[in-house]
Protein backbone atom coordinates (compact mmCIF):
# COMPACT_ATOMS: atom_id res chain seq x y z
CA UNK A 1 0.00 0.00 0.00
CA UNK A 2 1.28 3.46 -0.86
CA UNK A 3 -0.23 6.36 1.08
CA UNK A 4 0.38 10.00 0.23
CA UNK A 5 -1.73 12.59 2.12
CA UNK A 6 -1.17 15.15 -0.67
CA UNK A 7 -3.27 13.11 -3.12
CA UNK A 8 -6.51 13.99 -1.40
CA UNK A 9 -8.99 12.41 0.94
CA UNK A 10 -9.45 8.66 0.53
CA UNK A 11 -7.24 8.43 -2.53
CA UNK A 12 -5.84 5.25 -0.94
CA UNK A 13 -9.15 3.43 -1.41
CA UNK A 14 -9.58 2.60 2.27
CA UNK A 15 -12.78 3.47 4.18
CA UNK A 16 -10.80 5.26 6.95
CA UNK A 17 -7.58 7.25 7.10
CA UNK A 18 -4.86 4.74 8.12
CA UNK A 19 -2.58 7.44 9.56
CA UNK A 20 -5.15 8.53 12.15
CA UNK A 21 -5.61 5.00 13.43
CA UNK A 22 -1.89 4.30 13.67
CA UNK A 23 -0.89 7.32 15.78
CA UNK A 24 -2.45 6.49 19.13
CA UNK A 25 -0.95 5.49 22.46
CA UNK A 26 -0.54 1.74 22.64
CA UNK A 27 -0.80 0.27 26.16
CA UNK A 28 2.00 -2.19 26.79
CA UNK A 29 1.84 -3.09 30.46
CA UNK A 30 1.89 -1.93 34.06
CA UNK A 31 4.76 -0.52 36.10
CA UNK A 32 4.56 -0.90 39.87
CA UNK A 33 6.79 0.69 42.48
CA UNK A 34 6.89 1.04 46.24
CA UNK A 35 8.13 4.28 47.80
CA UNK A 36 10.44 4.48 50.82
CA UNK A 37 7.33 5.27 52.89
CA UNK A 38 5.75 1.98 51.80
CA UNK A 39 3.18 3.52 49.43
CA UNK A 40 2.34 1.45 46.37
CA UNK A 41 2.14 3.02 42.93
CA UNK A 42 0.73 1.33 39.83
CA UNK A 43 0.87 3.12 36.47
CA UNK A 44 0.19 2.08 32.88
CA UNK A 45 3.22 1.94 30.61
CA UNK A 46 2.59 2.88 27.00
CA UNK A 47 4.43 3.85 23.85
CA UNK A 48 3.40 6.47 21.34
CA UNK A 49 3.95 5.08 17.88
CA UNK A 50 3.68 6.62 14.43
C-alpha atoms as a PDB file:
ATOM      1  CA  UNK A   1       0.000   0.000   0.000  1.00  0.00           C
ATOM      2  CA  UNK A   2       1.283   3.465  -0.860  1.00  0.00           C
ATOM      3  CA  UNK A   3      -0.235   6.359   1.084  1.00  0.00           C
ATOM      4  CA  UNK A   4       0.379  10.004   0.229  1.00  0.00           C
ATOM      5  CA  UNK A   5      -1.732  12.590   2.116  1.00  0.00           C
ATOM      6  CA  UNK A   6      -1.173  15.152  -0.669  1.00  0.00           C
ATOM      7  CA  UNK A   7      -3.266  13.110  -3.123  1.00  0.00           C
ATOM      8  CA  UNK A   8      -6.514  13.989  -1.395  1.00  0.00           C
ATOM      9  CA  UNK A   9      -8.992  12.413   0.936  1.00  0.00           C
ATOM     10  CA  UNK A  10      -9.451   8.656   0.534  1.00  0.00           C
ATOM     11  CA  UNK A  11      -7.241   8.428  -2.534  1.00  0.00           C
ATOM     12  CA  UNK A  12      -5.836   5.253  -0.940  1.00  0.00           C
ATOM     13  CA  UNK A  13      -9.151   3.431  -1.412  1.00  0.00           C
ATOM     14  CA  UNK A  14      -9.584   2.596   2.267  1.00  0.00           C
ATOM     15  CA  UNK A  15     -12.785   3.470   4.185  1.00  0.00           C
ATOM     16  CA  UNK A  16     -10.804   5.263   6.946  1.00  0.00           C
ATOM     17  CA  UNK A  17      -7.578   7.253   7.097  1.00  0.00           C
ATOM     18  CA  UNK A  18      -4.856   4.738   8.122  1.00  0.00           C
ATOM     19  CA  UNK A  19      -2.580   7.444   9.559  1.00  0.00           C
ATOM     20  CA  UNK A  20      -5.154   8.531  12.145  1.00  0.00           C
ATOM     21  CA  UNK A  21      -5.614   5.004  13.432  1.00  0.00           C
ATOM     22  CA  UNK A  22      -1.890   4.300  13.667  1.00  0.00           C
ATOM     23  CA  UNK A  23      -0.895   7.318  15.783  1.00  0.00           C
ATOM     24  CA  UNK A  24      -2.453   6.492  19.128  1.00  0.00           C
ATOM     25  CA  UNK A  25      -0.951   5.487  22.465  1.00  0.00           C
ATOM     26  CA  UNK A  26      -0.540   1.736  22.638  1.00  0.00           C
ATOM     27  CA  UNK A  27      -0.801   0.270  26.157  1.00  0.00           C
ATOM     28  CA  UNK A  28       1.998  -2.194  26.792  1.00  0.00           C
ATOM     29  CA  UNK A  29       1.841  -3.094  30.460  1.00  0.00           C
ATOM     30  CA  UNK A  30       1.886  -1.927  34.057  1.00  0.00           C
ATOM     31  CA  UNK A  31       4.760  -0.520  36.104  1.00  0.00           C
ATOM     32  CA  UNK A  32       4.557  -0.904  39.870  1.00  0.00           C
ATOM     33  CA  UNK A  33       6.790   0.693  42.483  1.00  0.00           C
ATOM     34  CA  UNK A  34       6.890   1.036  46.244  1.00  0.00           C
ATOM     35  CA  UNK A  35       8.131   4.280  47.803  1.00  0.00           C
ATOM     36  CA  UNK A  36      10.441   4.477  50.821  1.00  0.00           C
ATOM     37  CA  UNK A  37       7.334   5.271  52.889  1.00  0.00           C
ATOM     38  CA  UNK A  38       5.746   1.980  51.797  1.00  0.00           C
ATOM     39  CA  UNK A  39       3.181   3.523  49.431  1.00  0.00           C
ATOM     40  CA  UNK A  40       2.340   1.447  46.370  1.00  0.00           C
ATOM     41  CA  UNK A  41       2.135   3.017  42.932  1.00  0.00           C
ATOM     42  CA  UNK A  42       0.731   1.334  39.829  1.00  0.00           C
ATOM     43  CA  UNK A  43       0.870   3.120  36.471  1.00  0.00           C
ATOM     44  CA  UNK A  44       0.188   2.079  32.877  1.00  0.00           C
ATOM     45  CA  UNK A  45       3.219   1.937  30.611  1.00  0.00           C
ATOM     46  CA  UNK A  46       2.595   2.878  27.000  1.00  0.00           C
ATOM     47  CA  UNK A  47       4.428   3.847  23.851  1.00  0.00           C
ATOM     48  CA  UNK A  48       3.399   6.475  21.336  1.00  0.00           C
ATOM     49  CA  UNK A  49       3.953   5.083  17.878  1.00  0.00           C
ATOM     50  CA  UNK A  50       3.679   6.624  14.433  1.00  0.00           C
END
